[in-house]
Amino acid sequence: MINELVKLSNHLDGLGLTKEANFLDTVTERLSLKKSAQDVSLEARVAKLEELLEHRLKMMDRRDSREPLFEERIARIEARLDRRDAASEVRTERRNERRESL
């Protein structure tokens, strides 16, 4: 669109319609500035999204790398609980045996 306006402006200038050509030049400049500002804004948004995505991927990698440690901790805790349950059962059985022997 901007290219067409530039061509029209040059054509008007060639016909001696400088006032109209200058007006189109002004409009063209404003449009190109607005477009470049939108491009910069879009580029900034894309850069920010890429940064956020990269951060999210790092967090996921960190979580994945900790998952085996987490599973190992759970296994240790479960083993402790099993030992406590077994020890509790043994104590209960001993108490019952003592009571029966009395």
Protein backbone atom coordinates (compact mmCIF):
# COMPACT_ATOMS: atom_id res chain seq x y z
CA MET A 1 0.00 0.00 0.00
CA ILE A 2 2.79 2.41 0.88
CA ASN A 3 4.57 1.69 -2.40
CA GLU A 4 1.42 2.55 -4.34
CA LEU A 5 1.10 5.86 -2.45
CA VAL A 6 4.72 6.72 -3.26
CA LYS A 7 4.13 5.98 -6.94
CA LEU A 8 0.98 8.11 -6.94
CA SER A 9 2.82 10.93 -5.19
CA ASN A 10 5.61 10.82 -7.79
CA HIS A 11 3.00 10.82 -10.57
CA LEU A 12 1.22 13.85 -9.04
CA ASP A 13 4.55 15.60 -8.61
CA GLY A 14 5.31 14.95 -12.29
CA LEU A 15 1.98 16.54 -13.22
CA GLY A 16 2.90 19.64 -11.23
CA LEU A 17 0.48 18.91 -8.37
CA THR A 18 3.11 19.42 -5.67
CA LYS A 19 0.63 20.28 -2.89
CA GLU A 20 -1.21 17.00 -3.39
CA ALA A 21 2.09 15.09 -3.78
CA ASN A 22 3.39 16.60 -0.50
CA PHE A 23 0.16 15.59 1.26
CA LEU A 24 0.58 12.00 0.06
CA ASP A 25 4.23 12.07 1.15
CA THR A 26 3.12 13.11 4.65
CA VAL A 27 0.50 10.36 4.77
CA THR A 28 3.05 7.82 3.53
CA GLU A 29 5.57 8.88 6.20
CA ARG A 30 2.96 8.55 8.95
CA LEU A 31 1.87 5.15 7.72
CA SER A 32 5.42 3.87 7.49
CA LEU A 33 6.22 5.17 10.99
CA LYS A 34 3.07 3.58 12.37
CA LYS A 35 3.87 0.30 10.61
CA SER A 36 7.46 0.27 11.90
CA ALA A 37 6.20 1.00 15.44
CA GLN A 38 3.78 -1.92 15.15
CA ASP A 39 6.58 -4.14 13.85
CA VAL A 40 8.79 -3.17 16.80
CA SER A 41 5.91 -3.77 19.18
CA LEU A 42 5.23 -7.15 17.60
CA GLU A 43 8.93 -8.05 17.69
CA ALA A 44 9.09 -7.06 21.37
CA ARG A 45 6.06 -9.22 22.16
CA VAL A 46 7.50 -12.18 20.27
CA ALA A 47 10.83 -11.76 22.09
CA LYS A 48 9.06 -11.66 25.46
CA LEU A 49 7.02 -14.76 24.59
CA GLU A 50 10.20 -16.59 23.54
CA GLU A 51 11.83 -15.56 26.83
CA LEU A 52 8.85 -16.84 28.82
CA LEU A 53 8.80 -20.09 26.87
CA GLU A 54 12.51 -20.61 27.47
CA HIS A 55 12.04 -19.96 31.20
CA ARG A 56 9.13 -22.42 31.31
CA LEU A 57 11.20 -25.09 29.54
CA LYS A 58 14.04 -24.58 32.03
CA MET A 59 11.60 -24.97 34.92
CA MET A 60 10.19 -28.16 33.39
CA ASP A 61 13.71 -29.55 32.88
CA ARG A 62 14.57 -28.70 36.47
CA ARG A 63 11.40 -30.44 37.70
CA ASP A 64 12.10 -33.49 35.54
CA SER A 65 15.64 -33.71 36.86
CA ARG A 66 14.33 -33.60 40.46
CA GLU A 67 11.65 -36.22 39.89
CA PRO A 68 13.92 -39.26 40.46
CA LEU A 69 15.09 -37.69 43.74
CA PHE A 70 11.49 -37.12 44.72
CA GLU A 71 10.61 -40.74 43.92
CA GLU A 72 13.61 -41.91 45.93
CA ARG A 73 12.51 -39.84 48.94
CA ILE A 74 9.02 -41.28 48.74
CA ALA A 75 10.44 -44.81 48.64
CA ARG A 76 12.57 -44.10 51.74
CA ILE A 77 9.63 -42.66 53.64
CA GLU A 78 7.44 -45.62 52.69
CA ALA A 79 10.19 -48.00 53.87
CA ARG A 80 10.39 -46.19 57.20
CA LEU A 81 6.65 -46.35 57.62
CA ASP A 82 6.68 -50.06 56.79
CA ARG A 83 9.42 -50.68 59.39
CA ARG A 84 7.46 -48.66 61.97
CA ASP A 85 4.32 -50.63 61.21
CA ALA A 86 6.24 -53.90 61.48
CA ALA A 87 7.87 -52.79 64.74
CA SER A 88 4.50 -51.74 66.09
CA GLU A 89 3.02 -55.11 65.19
CA VAL A 90 5.92 -56.90 66.92
CA ARG A 91 5.42 -54.78 70.07
CA THR A 92 1.71 -55.51 70.03
CA GLU A 93 2.34 -59.25 69.64
CA ARG A 94 4.85 -59.22 72.52
CA ARG A 95 2.39 -57.38 74.76
CA ASN A 96 -0.31 -59.89 73.94
CA GLU A 97 2.08 -62.80 74.61
CA ARG A 98 3.04 -61.29 78.00
CA ARG A 99 -0.60 -60.81 78.89
CA GLU A 100 -1.43 -64.38 77.95
CA SER A 101 1.46 -65.73 79.98
CA LEU A 102 0.29 -63.92 83.12
